[in-house]
Amino acid sequence: VVFLVGFLGCLGGIKQWKWALGMYIFFLVIIFLGEFSGGIMAAVYKSKVTDELGTTLKKSIAEYKNSSIIEDAWDAVQKTIHCCGVTSYKDYKDYAHFNATVSVPESCCRGKYVDCYTEASNNATKSYKSLNTEGCLNSLQDQLKSNLSIIIGVAIGIAMIQLLGILLACKSCRSSDVDNMV
């Protein structure tokens, strides 16, 4: 889709075909409105999005050992942001592939795996030195909040570039001497 829209813009600009520029403008406006609407919907339904994300993440934990893609994704997230499970390391206790000896994946551990597994199995432990106890959902939300100004800035920058593209295409379409409606 992006290639096709870009091709229409280039073709319309080079050949000065108003119909191609018109299609380019139309698709850019549709894409811009879709992005704008998506941003508004995400802001309005933020709590529902968070709940749905939590539900989806919990379902994916159930598939942790059944899919190498899911396992690799969880391991990467847990190692990178130092978290474990969706809400806590206890999320793994409900699944058969984690037993009393190995109750969390290695990616939840900070230090020696043996110490980590002992801490995860022992609910009475108060200080966790080898186990990441915070859930990934909270960690992801915290990172999103801390980077929100950057995300908003990038989104505004992209929107400005899209609007500039629309305005330049409109100007090119209007200033075209020949109306080639091929």
Protein backbone atom coordinates (compact mmCIF):
# COMPACT_ATOMS: atom_id res chain seq x y z
CA VAL A 1 0.00 0.00 0.00
CA VAL A 2 2.78 2.44 0.96
CA PHE A 3 4.68 1.57 -2.23
CA LEU A 4 1.56 2.05 -4.36
CA VAL A 5 0.72 5.41 -2.80
CA GLY A 6 4.32 6.59 -3.17
CA PHE A 7 4.39 5.38 -6.77
CA LEU A 8 1.21 7.34 -7.55
CA GLY A 9 2.77 10.47 -6.05
CA CYS A 10 6.00 10.09 -8.03
CA LEU A 11 4.17 9.24 -11.23
CA GLY A 12 1.80 12.18 -10.85
CA GLY A 13 4.62 14.56 -10.03
CA ILE A 14 6.92 13.50 -12.87
CA LYS A 15 4.28 13.15 -15.59
CA GLN A 16 2.12 16.01 -14.24
CA TRP A 17 -0.94 13.76 -14.32
CA LYS A 18 -3.65 15.32 -12.21
CA TRP A 19 -5.52 12.04 -11.81
CA ALA A 20 -2.44 10.38 -10.26
CA LEU A 21 -1.80 13.35 -7.99
CA GLY A 22 -5.48 13.35 -7.04
CA MET A 23 -5.31 9.66 -6.10
CA TYR A 24 -2.10 10.32 -4.16
CA ILE A 25 -3.74 13.16 -2.24
CA PHE A 26 -6.83 11.04 -1.58
CA PHE A 27 -4.81 8.12 -0.16
CA LEU A 28 -2.59 10.41 1.92
CA VAL A 29 -5.65 12.06 3.45
CA ILE A 30 -7.22 8.64 4.21
CA ILE A 31 -3.97 7.42 5.83
CA PHE A 32 -3.63 10.65 7.83
CA LEU A 33 -7.23 10.49 9.06
CA GLY A 34 -6.78 6.82 10.00
CA GLU A 35 -3.67 7.59 12.03
CA PHE A 36 -5.34 10.59 13.66
CA SER A 37 -8.45 8.54 14.53
CA GLY A 38 -6.29 5.71 15.87
CA GLY A 39 -4.43 8.12 18.13
CA ILE A 40 -7.68 9.57 19.48
CA MET A 41 -9.17 6.09 20.03
CA ALA A 42 -6.03 4.95 21.87
CA ALA A 43 -6.22 7.98 24.16
CA VAL A 44 -9.96 7.61 24.82
CA TYR A 45 -9.92 3.85 25.36
CA LYS A 46 -6.54 3.69 27.13
CA SER A 47 -7.78 1.57 30.05
CA LYS A 48 -9.61 -0.85 27.75
CA VAL A 49 -6.47 -1.19 25.62
CA THR A 50 -4.44 -1.90 28.78
CA ASP A 51 -6.94 -4.54 29.94
CA GLU A 52 -6.99 -6.19 26.52
CA LEU A 53 -3.20 -6.14 26.38
CA GLY A 54 -3.03 -7.80 29.80
CA THR A 55 -5.48 -10.51 28.70
CA THR A 56 -3.57 -11.14 25.48
CA LEU A 57 -0.24 -11.33 27.33
CA LYS A 58 -1.68 -13.83 29.84
CA LYS A 59 -2.91 -16.01 26.96
CA SER A 60 0.54 -15.88 25.41
CA ILE A 61 2.17 -17.06 28.66
CA ALA A 62 -0.02 -20.17 28.42
CA GLU A 63 1.68 -20.86 25.07
CA TYR A 64 5.20 -20.11 26.36
CA LYS A 65 6.65 -23.61 25.88
CA ASN A 66 4.40 -24.48 22.92
CA SER A 67 5.71 -21.80 20.56
CA SER A 68 9.36 -20.85 20.14
CA ILE A 69 8.33 -17.46 18.75
CA ILE A 70 6.32 -16.64 21.88
CA GLU A 71 9.05 -18.03 24.12
CA ASP A 72 11.73 -15.95 22.38
CA ALA A 73 9.56 -12.82 22.53
CA TRP A 74 8.86 -13.24 26.26
CA ASP A 75 12.51 -14.00 27.00
CA ALA A 76 13.64 -10.90 25.11
CA VAL A 77 11.16 -8.63 26.91
CA GLN A 78 11.88 -10.10 30.35
CA LYS A 79 15.65 -9.83 29.92
CA THR A 80 15.53 -6.34 28.43
CA ILE A 81 13.23 -4.61 30.91
CA HIS A 82 13.98 -6.87 33.88
CA CYS A 83 10.46 -8.13 34.53
CA CYS A 84 8.72 -11.48 34.91
CA GLY A 85 5.25 -12.50 33.76
CA VAL A 86 2.37 -10.16 33.06
CA THR A 87 1.60 -8.89 36.57
CA SER A 88 4.30 -10.79 38.51
CA TYR A 89 6.45 -13.91 38.47
CA LYS A 90 3.49 -15.81 39.97
CA ASP A 91 1.77 -15.78 36.57
CA TYR A 92 3.87 -18.79 35.58
CA LYS A 93 2.70 -20.98 38.48
CA ASP A 94 -0.62 -21.78 36.78
CA TYR A 95 0.95 -23.61 33.85
CA ALA A 96 2.01 -27.24 33.68
CA HIS A 97 5.33 -26.59 31.95
CA PHE A 98 6.56 -24.84 35.09
CA ASN A 99 6.83 -27.10 38.13
CA ALA A 100 8.05 -26.78 41.72
CA THR A 101 11.71 -26.98 40.71
CA VAL A 102 11.60 -24.63 37.73
CA SER A 103 8.72 -22.26 38.41
CA VAL A 104 9.80 -19.38 36.14
CA PRO A 105 11.76 -19.07 32.88
CA GLU A 106 15.49 -18.31 33.07
CA SER A 107 14.79 -14.89 31.56
CA CYS A 108 13.13 -13.90 34.87
CA CYS A 109 16.39 -14.42 36.74
CA ARG A 110 19.03 -11.80 37.55
CA GLY A 111 21.68 -14.01 39.06
CA LYS A 112 22.22 -17.70 39.56
CA TYR A 113 19.35 -19.72 38.19
CA VAL A 114 19.31 -22.07 41.19
CA ASP A 115 18.84 -19.13 43.59
CA CYS A 116 16.21 -17.63 41.31
CA TYR A 117 14.18 -20.84 41.16
CA THR A 118 14.40 -21.20 44.94
CA GLU A 119 13.11 -17.65 45.43
CA ALA A 120 10.29 -18.16 42.93
CA SER A 121 9.22 -21.41 44.61
CA ASN A 122 9.34 -19.93 48.13
CA ASN A 123 6.45 -17.48 48.56
CA ALA A 124 7.64 -16.55 52.06
CA THR A 125 10.82 -14.91 50.75
CA LYS A 126 10.71 -11.16 51.33
CA SER A 127 13.82 -10.04 49.47
CA TYR A 128 14.36 -11.24 45.95
CA LYS A 129 17.99 -10.89 44.93
CA SER A 130 18.01 -13.22 41.94
CA LEU A 131 14.42 -12.92 40.67
CA ASN A 132 12.71 -10.10 38.80
CA THR A 133 9.35 -9.89 40.58
CA GLU A 134 7.64 -6.99 38.80
CA GLY A 135 5.29 -7.84 35.95
CA CYS A 136 6.09 -6.81 32.40
CA LEU A 137 2.75 -5.04 31.86
CA ASN A 138 3.55 -2.46 34.55
CA SER A 139 7.13 -2.12 33.31
CA LEU A 140 5.96 -1.58 29.73
CA GLN A 141 3.41 1.01 30.89
CA ASP A 142 6.07 2.82 32.93
CA GLN A 143 8.44 2.89 29.95
CA LEU A 144 5.66 4.11 27.70
CA LYS A 145 4.78 6.90 30.15
CA SER A 146 8.42 7.94 30.53
CA ASN A 147 8.87 8.07 26.74
CA LEU A 148 5.45 9.56 25.97
CA SER A 149 6.78 13.00 25.06
CA ILE A 150 9.20 11.43 22.56
CA ILE A 151 6.41 9.29 21.08
CA ILE A 152 4.11 12.30 20.77
CA GLY A 153 6.92 14.36 19.22
CA VAL A 154 7.67 11.70 16.62
CA ALA A 155 3.95 11.31 15.84
CA ILE A 156 3.57 15.07 15.37
CA GLY A 157 6.68 15.13 13.17
CA ILE A 158 5.32 12.35 10.96
CA ALA A 159 1.94 14.11 10.78
CA MET A 160 3.64 17.34 9.69
CA ILE A 161 5.55 15.52 6.95
CA GLN A 162 2.32 13.92 5.74
CA LEU A 163 0.51 17.27 5.74
CA LEU A 164 3.41 18.84 3.85
CA GLY A 165 3.16 16.02 1.28
CA ILE A 166 -0.57 16.65 0.89
CA LEU A 167 -0.07 20.43 0.52
CA LEU A 168 2.76 20.07 -2.01
CA ALA A 169 0.74 17.55 -4.03
CA CYS A 170 -2.24 19.95 -4.03
CA LYS A 171 0.00 22.82 -5.16
CA SER A 172 1.54 20.69 -7.90
CA CYS A 173 -1.91 19.54 -9.00
CA ARG A 174 -3.22 23.13 -9.21
CA SER A 175 -0.15 24.55 -10.95
CA SER A 176 -0.14 21.89 -13.65
CA ASP A 177 -0.61 23.60 -17.04
CA VAL A 178 -1.81 20.51 -18.83
CA ASP A 179 -4.79 18.56 -17.54
CA ASN A 180 -3.86 15.03 -18.63
CA MET A 181 -6.83 12.92 -17.67
CA VAL A 182 -5.47 9.75 -19.27
